[in-house]
Amino acid sequence: MTNKEIYKGRTQQLAILAGIIATSSTLLLPTDSHAVNVFVEGSIGYNFYADVDADLGFTTEAGNITDATLDYDDGISYGAEIGISHFDPYDVLRLSASWEYFDAEFDSGKATVSGGTVFPPGPVKITSSDDLDIEINLFMANLYYDFETKWAFKPFIGAGLGLADIKDADDKELAWKLMLGGNYEFTDHFGIGLRYQYVQISGPDQNDLKFDDIGTSTVSATARYQF
């Protein structure tokens, strides 16, 4: 990939993120004088990928390879988030726009072979293929509910909706996620947290590959600064 292509891709991603921020702010930003705090947050996490069903659509001397179940290695993800808090009368909601990057490296799988001259019809094991790796940029609008406590630690739940930009996919796909976790506030401005999230992405088409929905669970450490 050339530097020009990378720059173009990052510009498109920033445009998507800006659109999510603008839309979210228009819907939920208060119109009265109630104080609003802006925050930024970074995260690094560990992903656990569920097995993915797919129609591979490969035609080789071995035959037509279809109807596969693919297993992916666990991996590291990272992301950034910008949002607002204390915009509701009860100061328990947070609204944000987020970006996350993660890739899924193919490990192994099983597929069905038919009509070939090398293997008899039936199941066959797939041991490696770079064509089955998945690289994802995830853009989300998120809404959190922070539970009030008497301590510096505050648990939360949340949900997000957005788009998944998958490398080499035919189009961007709808994605949603559910979250729960907690933040420990060292000061009024800085805190760290732990978050679990489940993300599901509508099945993409990637070249001749047709994936079913992709699901991943992520446990992340976060650091947040509130202005």
C-alpha atoms as a PDB file:
ATOM      1  CA  MET A   1       0.000   0.000   0.000  1.00  0.00           C
ATOM      2  CA  THR A   2       1.434   3.418  -1.011  1.00  0.00           C
ATOM      3  CA  ASN A   3       1.660   6.448   1.291  1.00  0.00           C
ATOM      4  CA  LYS A   4      -0.956   8.157  -0.868  1.00  0.00           C
ATOM      5  CA  GLU A   5      -3.397   5.261  -0.381  1.00  0.00           C
ATOM      6  CA  ILE A   6      -2.736   5.227   3.392  1.00  0.00           C
ATOM      7  CA  TYR A   7      -3.325   8.986   3.591  1.00  0.00           C
ATOM      8  CA  LYS A   8      -6.546   8.673   1.587  1.00  0.00           C
ATOM      9  CA  GLY A   9      -7.757   5.840   3.828  1.00  0.00           C
ATOM     10  CA  ARG A  10      -7.013   7.753   7.038  1.00  0.00           C
ATOM     11  CA  THR A  11      -8.755  10.865   5.614  1.00  0.00           C
ATOM     12  CA  GLN A  12     -11.886   8.821   4.914  1.00  0.00           C
ATOM     13  CA  GLN A  13     -11.777   7.354   8.424  1.00  0.00           C
ATOM     14  CA  LEU A  14     -11.473  10.812   9.994  1.00  0.00           C
ATOM     15  CA  ALA A  15     -14.414  12.004   7.892  1.00  0.00           C
ATOM     16  CA  ILE A  16     -16.552   9.119   9.190  1.00  0.00           C
ATOM     17  CA  LEU A  17     -15.548   9.911  12.782  1.00  0.00           C
ATOM     18  CA  ALA A  18     -16.347  13.600  12.289  1.00  0.00           C
ATOM     19  CA  GLY A  19     -19.769  12.676  10.906  1.00  0.00           C
ATOM     20  CA  ILE A  20     -20.531  10.492  13.929  1.00  0.00           C
ATOM     21  CA  ILE A  21     -19.504  13.303  16.292  1.00  0.00           C
ATOM     22  CA  ALA A  22     -21.604  15.887  14.451  1.00  0.00           C
ATOM     23  CA  THR A  23     -24.687  13.664  14.334  1.00  0.00           C
ATOM     24  CA  SER A  24     -24.416  12.639  17.976  1.00  0.00           C
ATOM     25  CA  SER A  25     -23.917  16.209  19.144  1.00  0.00           C
ATOM     26  CA  THR A  26     -26.900  17.439  17.166  1.00  0.00           C
ATOM     27  CA  LEU A  27     -29.166  14.818  18.726  1.00  0.00           C
ATOM     28  CA  LEU A  28     -28.099  15.001  22.352  1.00  0.00           C
ATOM     29  CA  LEU A  29     -26.128  18.167  23.061  1.00  0.00           C
ATOM     30  CA  PRO A  30     -28.105  20.364  25.477  1.00  0.00           C
ATOM     31  CA  THR A  31     -29.469  23.702  24.379  1.00  0.00           C
ATOM     32  CA  ASP A  32     -29.610  25.301  27.846  1.00  0.00           C
ATOM     33  CA  SER A  33     -26.817  26.598  30.053  1.00  0.00           C
ATOM     34  CA  HIS A  34     -26.230  23.253  31.827  1.00  0.00           C
ATOM     35  CA  ALA A  35     -22.489  22.643  32.139  1.00  0.00           C
ATOM     36  CA  VAL A  36     -20.968  20.137  29.724  1.00  0.00           C
ATOM     37  CA  ASN A  37     -17.565  18.459  30.181  1.00  0.00           C
ATOM     38  CA  VAL A  38     -15.475  17.229  27.269  1.00  0.00           C
ATOM     39  CA  PHE A  39     -13.317  14.127  27.710  1.00  0.00           C
ATOM     40  CA  VAL A  40     -10.805  12.136  25.706  1.00  0.00           C
ATOM     41  CA  GLU A  41      -9.948   8.495  26.301  1.00  0.00           C
ATOM     42  CA  GLY A  42      -7.424   5.983  25.028  1.00  0.00           C
ATOM     43  CA  SER A  43      -7.658   2.209  25.289  1.00  0.00           C
ATOM     44  CA  ILE A  44      -5.658  -0.930  24.698  1.00  0.00           C
ATOM     45  CA  GLY A  45      -7.342  -4.299  24.800  1.00  0.00           C
ATOM     46  CA  TYR A  46      -7.165  -8.026  24.194  1.00  0.00           C
ATOM     47  CA  ASN A  47      -9.648  -9.554  21.737  1.00  0.00           C
ATOM     48  CA  PHE A  48     -11.249 -12.988  21.817  1.00  0.00           C
ATOM     49  CA  TYR A  49     -12.746 -13.871  18.439  1.00  0.00           C
ATOM     50  CA  ALA A  50     -15.685 -16.200  17.995  1.00  0.00           C
ATOM     51  CA  ASP A  51     -15.533 -18.765  15.188  1.00  0.00           C
ATOM     52  CA  VAL A  52     -16.785 -17.304  11.907  1.00  0.00           C
ATOM     53  CA  ASP A  53     -18.856 -19.163   9.321  1.00  0.00           C
ATOM     54  CA  ALA A  54     -18.134 -18.248   5.706  1.00  0.00           C
ATOM     55  CA  ASP A  55     -18.677 -19.232   2.089  1.00  0.00           C
ATOM     56  CA  LEU A  56     -15.126 -19.224   0.738  1.00  0.00           C
ATOM     57  CA  GLY A  57     -15.979 -19.615  -2.931  1.00  0.00           C
ATOM     58  CA  PHE A  58     -12.569 -21.126  -3.799  1.00  0.00           C
ATOM     59  CA  THR A  59     -12.259 -23.277  -6.926  1.00  0.00           C
ATOM     60  CA  THR A  60      -9.031 -25.265  -7.238  1.00  0.00           C
ATOM     61  CA  GLU A  61      -7.843 -28.674  -8.394  1.00  0.00           C
ATOM     62  CA  ALA A  62      -8.917 -29.868  -4.971  1.00  0.00           C
ATOM     63  CA  GLY A  63     -12.468 -28.886  -5.833  1.00  0.00           C
ATOM     64  CA  ASN A  64     -14.947 -26.264  -4.793  1.00  0.00           C
ATOM     65  CA  ILE A  65     -14.174 -25.175  -1.219  1.00  0.00           C
ATOM     66  CA  THR A  66     -17.248 -23.739   0.497  1.00  0.00           C
ATOM     67  CA  ASP A  67     -19.151 -23.634   3.797  1.00  0.00           C
ATOM     68  CA  ALA A  68     -16.230 -23.068   6.135  1.00  0.00           C
ATOM     69  CA  THR A  69     -15.929 -22.504   9.884  1.00  0.00           C
ATOM     70  CA  LEU A  70     -12.894 -20.319  10.571  1.00  0.00           C
ATOM     71  CA  ASP A  71     -10.917 -19.968  13.791  1.00  0.00           C
ATOM     72  CA  TYR A  72      -8.949 -16.760  14.487  1.00  0.00           C
ATOM     73  CA  ASP A  73      -6.088 -16.043  16.874  1.00  0.00           C
ATOM     74  CA  ASP A  74      -6.751 -13.737  19.795  1.00  0.00           C
ATOM     75  CA  GLY A  75      -5.043 -10.365  19.457  1.00  0.00           C
ATOM     76  CA  ILE A  76      -4.415  -6.817  20.640  1.00  0.00           C
ATOM     77  CA  SER A  77      -6.629  -3.835  19.828  1.00  0.00           C
ATOM     78  CA  TYR A  78      -6.333  -0.130  20.535  1.00  0.00           C
ATOM     79  CA  GLY A  79      -8.577   2.878  20.205  1.00  0.00           C
ATOM     80  CA  ALA A  80      -9.386   6.496  20.963  1.00  0.00           C
ATOM     81  CA  GLU A  81     -12.566   8.241  22.051  1.00  0.00           C
ATOM     82  CA  ILE A  82     -13.837  11.807  22.411  1.00  0.00           C
ATOM     83  CA  GLY A  83     -17.084  12.753  24.067  1.00  0.00           C
ATOM     84  CA  ILE A  84     -19.133  14.819  26.480  1.00  0.00           C
ATOM     85  CA  SER A  85     -20.433  14.152  29.979  1.00  0.00           C
ATOM     86  CA  HIS A  86     -22.657  15.959  32.514  1.00  0.00           C
ATOM     87  CA  PHE A  87     -24.971  17.076  29.723  1.00  0.00           C
ATOM     88  CA  ASP A  88     -28.109  15.562  31.286  1.00  0.00           C
ATOM     89  CA  PRO A  89     -29.892  16.872  34.407  1.00  0.00           C
ATOM     90  CA  TYR A  90     -28.707  13.909  36.514  1.00  0.00           C
ATOM     91  CA  ASP A  91     -25.072  13.873  35.335  1.00  0.00           C
ATOM     92  CA  VAL A  92     -25.095  10.121  34.721  1.00  0.00           C
ATOM     93  CA  LEU A  93     -24.847   9.969  30.923  1.00  0.00           C
ATOM     94  CA  ARG A  94     -21.852  10.151  28.606  1.00  0.00           C
ATOM     95  CA  LEU A  95     -21.954  10.492  24.832  1.00  0.00           C
ATOM     96  CA  SER A  96     -18.935   9.781  22.666  1.00  0.00           C
ATOM     97  CA  ALA A  97     -17.554   8.993  19.241  1.00  0.00           C
ATOM     98  CA  SER A  98     -14.892   6.290  19.134  1.00  0.00           C
ATOM     99  CA  TRP A  99     -12.415   4.665  16.802  1.00  0.00           C
ATOM    100  CA  GLU A 100     -10.926   1.218  17.366  1.00  0.00           C
ATOM    101  CA  TYR A 101      -8.492  -0.840  15.340  1.00  0.00           C
ATOM    102  CA  PHE A 102      -8.093  -4.587  15.491  1.00  0.00           C
ATOM    103  CA  ASP A 103      -7.146  -7.380  13.151  1.00  0.00           C
ATOM    104  CA  ALA A 104      -7.977 -11.050  13.185  1.00  0.00           C
ATOM    105  CA  GLU A 105      -5.223 -13.373  12.019  1.00  0.00           C
ATOM    106  CA  PHE A 106      -6.539 -16.617  10.598  1.00  0.00           C
ATOM    107  CA  ASP A 107      -5.424 -19.718  12.508  1.00  0.00           C
ATOM    108  CA  SER A 108      -7.228 -22.736  11.081  1.00  0.00           C
ATOM    109  CA  GLY A 109     -10.607 -23.927   9.878  1.00  0.00           C
ATOM    110  CA  LYS A 110     -12.723 -26.613   8.306  1.00  0.00           C
ATOM    111  CA  ALA A 111     -14.454 -26.416   4.941  1.00  0.00           C
ATOM    112  CA  THR A 112     -16.512 -28.596   2.630  1.00  0.00           C
ATOM    113  CA  VAL A 113     -14.964 -29.807  -0.638  1.00  0.00           C
ATOM    114  CA  SER A 114     -16.976 -30.969  -3.634  1.00  0.00           C
ATOM    115  CA  GLY A 115     -16.292 -31.789  -7.285  1.00  0.00           C
ATOM    116  CA  GLY A 116     -12.520 -32.065  -6.966  1.00  0.00           C
ATOM    117  CA  THR A 117      -9.917 -34.386  -8.398  1.00  0.00           C
ATOM    118  CA  VAL A 118      -7.492 -34.333  -5.446  1.00  0.00           C
ATOM    119  CA  PHE A 119      -9.658 -34.882  -2.373  1.00  0.00           C
ATOM    120  CA  PRO A 120     -12.840 -36.890  -2.086  1.00  0.00           C
ATOM    121  CA  PRO A 121     -15.998 -34.862  -1.349  1.00  0.00           C
ATOM    122  CA  GLY A 122     -16.360 -33.975   2.306  1.00  0.00           C
ATOM    123  CA  PRO A 123     -14.734 -31.908   5.026  1.00  0.00           C
ATOM    124  CA  VAL A 124     -11.154 -30.664   4.710  1.00  0.00           C
ATOM    125  CA  LYS A 125      -8.931 -28.806   7.159  1.00  0.00           C
ATOM    126  CA  ILE A 126      -7.577 -25.363   6.265  1.00  0.00           C
ATOM    127  CA  THR A 127      -4.247 -24.700   7.957  1.00  0.00           C
ATOM    128  CA  SER A 128      -3.211 -21.255   6.671  1.00  0.00           C
ATOM    129  CA  SER A 129      -4.295 -18.504   4.305  1.00  0.00           C
ATOM    130  CA  ASP A 130      -3.420 -14.793   4.317  1.00  0.00           C
ATOM    131  CA  ASP A 131      -6.583 -14.209   2.275  1.00  0.00           C
ATOM    132  CA  LEU A 132      -8.663 -15.031   5.355  1.00  0.00           C
ATOM    133  CA  ASP A 133      -7.040 -12.459   7.681  1.00  0.00           C
ATOM    134  CA  ILE A 134      -9.344  -9.583   8.672  1.00  0.00           C
ATOM    135  CA  GLU A 135      -8.265  -6.003   9.437  1.00  0.00           C
ATOM    136  CA  ILE A 136     -10.929  -3.704  10.894  1.00  0.00           C
ATOM    137  CA  ASN A 137     -11.348  -0.017  11.730  1.00  0.00           C
ATOM    138  CA  LEU A 138     -14.447   0.463  13.865  1.00  0.00           C
ATOM    139  CA  PHE A 139     -16.247   3.825  14.116  1.00  0.00           C
ATOM    140  CA  MET A 140     -18.969   4.117  16.759  1.00  0.00           C
ATOM    141  CA  ALA A 141     -21.349   6.546  18.444  1.00  0.00           C
ATOM    142  CA  ASN A 142     -21.664   5.451  22.086  1.00  0.00           C
ATOM    143  CA  LEU A 143     -23.948   6.191  25.018  1.00  0.00           C
ATOM    144  CA  TYR A 144     -22.901   5.322  28.593  1.00  0.00           C
ATOM    145  CA  TYR A 145     -24.753   5.287  31.891  1.00  0.00           C
ATOM    146  CA  ASP A 146     -22.527   5.913  34.935  1.00  0.00           C
ATOM    147  CA  PHE A 147     -23.841   4.584  38.239  1.00  0.00           C
ATOM    148  CA  GLU A 148     -23.554   7.045  41.090  1.00  0.00           C
ATOM    149  CA  THR A 149     -21.489   5.877  44.079  1.00  0.00           C
ATOM    150  CA  LYS A 150     -19.985   7.425  47.192  1.00  0.00           C
ATOM    151  CA  TRP A 151     -16.508   6.366  46.091  1.00  0.00           C
ATOM    152  CA  ALA A 152     -14.044   7.268  43.373  1.00  0.00           C
ATOM    153  CA  PHE A 153     -14.870   4.016  41.540  1.00  0.00           C
ATOM    154  CA  LYS A 154     -17.930   4.255  39.273  1.00  0.00           C
ATOM    155  CA  PRO A 155     -19.314   1.285  37.313  1.00  0.00           C
ATOM    156  CA  PHE A 156     -20.993   1.866  33.961  1.00  0.00           C
ATOM    157  CA  ILE A 157     -22.905   0.200  31.165  1.00  0.00           C
ATOM    158  CA  GLY A 158     -23.043   1.337  27.564  1.00  0.00           C
ATOM    159  CA  ALA A 159     -24.002   0.622  23.971  1.00  0.00           C
ATOM    160  CA  GLY A 160     -22.678   1.725  20.605  1.00  0.00           C
ATOM    161  CA  LEU A 161     -23.741   1.779  16.965  1.00  0.00           C
ATOM    162  CA  GLY A 162     -21.639   2.535  13.933  1.00  0.00           C
ATOM    163  CA  LEU A 163     -19.704   1.266  10.939  1.00  0.00           C
ATOM    164  CA  ALA A 164     -16.920  -1.271  10.437  1.00  0.00           C
ATOM    165  CA  ASP A 165     -14.388  -0.444   7.725  1.00  0.00           C
ATOM    166  CA  ILE A 166     -12.892  -3.828   6.802  1.00  0.00           C
ATOM    167  CA  LYS A 167      -9.802  -3.956   4.619  1.00  0.00           C
ATOM    168  CA  ASP A 168     -10.557  -5.252   1.086  1.00  0.00           C
ATOM    169  CA  ALA A 169     -14.283  -5.620   1.876  1.00  0.00           C
ATOM    170  CA  ASP A 170     -16.771  -4.571  -0.769  1.00  0.00           C
ATOM    171  CA  ASP A 171     -18.467  -2.048   1.524  1.00  0.00           C
ATOM    172  CA  LYS A 172     -18.571  -0.736   5.089  1.00  0.00           C
ATOM    173  CA  GLU A 173     -20.719  -2.832   7.407  1.00  0.00           C
ATOM    174  CA  LEU A 174     -23.122  -2.032  10.225  1.00  0.00           C
ATOM    175  CA  ALA A 175     -21.737  -2.793  13.698  1.00  0.00           C
ATOM    176  CA  TRP A 176     -23.027  -2.589  17.268  1.00  0.00           C
ATOM    177  CA  LYS A 177     -21.592  -3.224  20.708  1.00  0.00           C
ATOM    178  CA  LEU A 178     -22.560  -3.617  24.361  1.00  0.00           C
ATOM    179  CA  MET A 179     -20.222  -2.592  27.198  1.00  0.00           C
ATOM    180  CA  LEU A 180     -19.804  -2.764  30.949  1.00  0.00           C
ATOM    181  CA  GLY A 181     -16.974  -1.776  33.224  1.00  0.00           C
ATOM    182  CA  GLY A 182     -15.786   0.713  35.769  1.00  0.00           C
ATOM    183  CA  ASN A 183     -13.680   3.852  36.070  1.00  0.00           C
ATOM    184  CA  TYR A 184     -11.548   4.937  39.009  1.00  0.00           C
ATOM    185  CA  GLU A 185     -11.279   8.748  39.215  1.00  0.00           C
ATOM    186  CA  PHE A 186      -8.004   9.864  40.774  1.00  0.00           C
ATOM    187  CA  THR A 187      -8.948  13.525  40.332  1.00  0.00           C
ATOM    188  CA  ASP A 188     -11.769  15.513  38.748  1.00  0.00           C
ATOM    189  CA  HIS A 189      -9.814  15.367  35.505  1.00  0.00           C
ATOM    190  CA  PHE A 190      -8.026  12.020  35.307  1.00  0.00           C
ATOM    191  CA  GLY A 191      -9.072   8.419  35.727  1.00  0.00           C
ATOM    192  CA  ILE A 192      -8.344   4.875  34.586  1.00  0.00           C
ATOM    193  CA  GLY A 193     -10.758   2.058  33.906  1.00  0.00           C
ATOM    194  CA  LEU A 194     -11.435  -1.497  32.859  1.00  0.00           C
ATOM    195  CA  ARG A 195     -14.009  -2.304  30.176  1.00  0.00           C
ATOM    196  CA  TYR A 196     -15.538  -5.415  28.659  1.00  0.00           C
ATOM    197  CA  GLN A 197     -17.324  -5.136  25.333  1.00  0.00           C
ATOM    198  CA  TYR A 198     -18.959  -7.417  22.825  1.00  0.00           C
ATOM    199  CA  VAL A 199     -18.911  -6.235  19.213  1.00  0.00           C
ATOM    200  CA  GLN A 200     -20.879  -7.741  16.338  1.00  0.00           C
ATOM    201  CA  ILE A 201     -20.293  -6.797  12.716  1.00  0.00           C
ATOM    202  CA  SER A 202     -22.689  -7.628   9.889  1.00  0.00           C
ATOM    203  CA  GLY A 203     -21.193 -10.267   7.611  1.00  0.00           C
ATOM    204  CA  PRO A 204     -18.967  -8.625   4.992  1.00  0.00           C
ATOM    205  CA  ASP A 205     -18.177  -9.684   1.453  1.00  0.00           C
ATOM    206  CA  GLN A 206     -14.426  -9.652   0.874  1.00  0.00           C
ATOM    207  CA  ASN A 207     -13.414 -10.309  -2.719  1.00  0.00           C
ATOM    208  CA  ASP A 208     -15.038 -13.738  -3.375  1.00  0.00           C
ATOM    209  CA  LEU A 209     -15.458 -14.488   0.339  1.00  0.00           C
ATOM    210  CA  LYS A 210     -18.842 -14.164   2.023  1.00  0.00           C
ATOM    211  CA  PHE A 211     -18.606 -14.023   5.810  1.00  0.00           C
ATOM    212  CA  ASP A 212     -21.415 -14.453   8.298  1.00  0.00           C
ATOM    213  CA  ASP A 213     -21.575 -11.983  11.184  1.00  0.00           C
ATOM    214  CA  ILE A 214     -18.264 -11.438  12.995  1.00  0.00           C
ATOM    215  CA  GLY A 215     -18.307 -11.351  16.803  1.00  0.00           C
ATOM    216  CA  THR A 216     -15.505 -10.418  19.172  1.00  0.00           C
ATOM    217  CA  SER A 217     -15.198  -9.918  22.924  1.00  0.00           C
ATOM    218  CA  THR A 218     -12.632  -7.412  24.179  1.00  0.00           C
ATOM    219  CA  VAL A 219     -11.239  -6.642  27.625  1.00  0.00           C
ATOM    220  CA  SER A 220      -9.600  -3.207  27.645  1.00  0.00           C
ATOM    221  CA  ALA A 221      -7.657  -0.945  29.981  1.00  0.00           C
ATOM    222  CA  THR A 222      -8.549   2.724  29.534  1.00  0.00           C
ATOM    223  CA  ALA A 223      -7.193   6.106  30.551  1.00  0.00           C
ATOM    224  CA  ARG A 224      -9.420   9.189  30.432  1.00  0.00           C
ATOM    225  CA  TYR A 225      -8.802  12.914  30.771  1.00  0.00           C
ATOM    226  CA  GLN A 226     -11.749  15.235  31.379  1.00  0.00           C
ATOM    227  CA  PHE A 227     -11.370  18.930  30.629  1.00  0.00           C
END
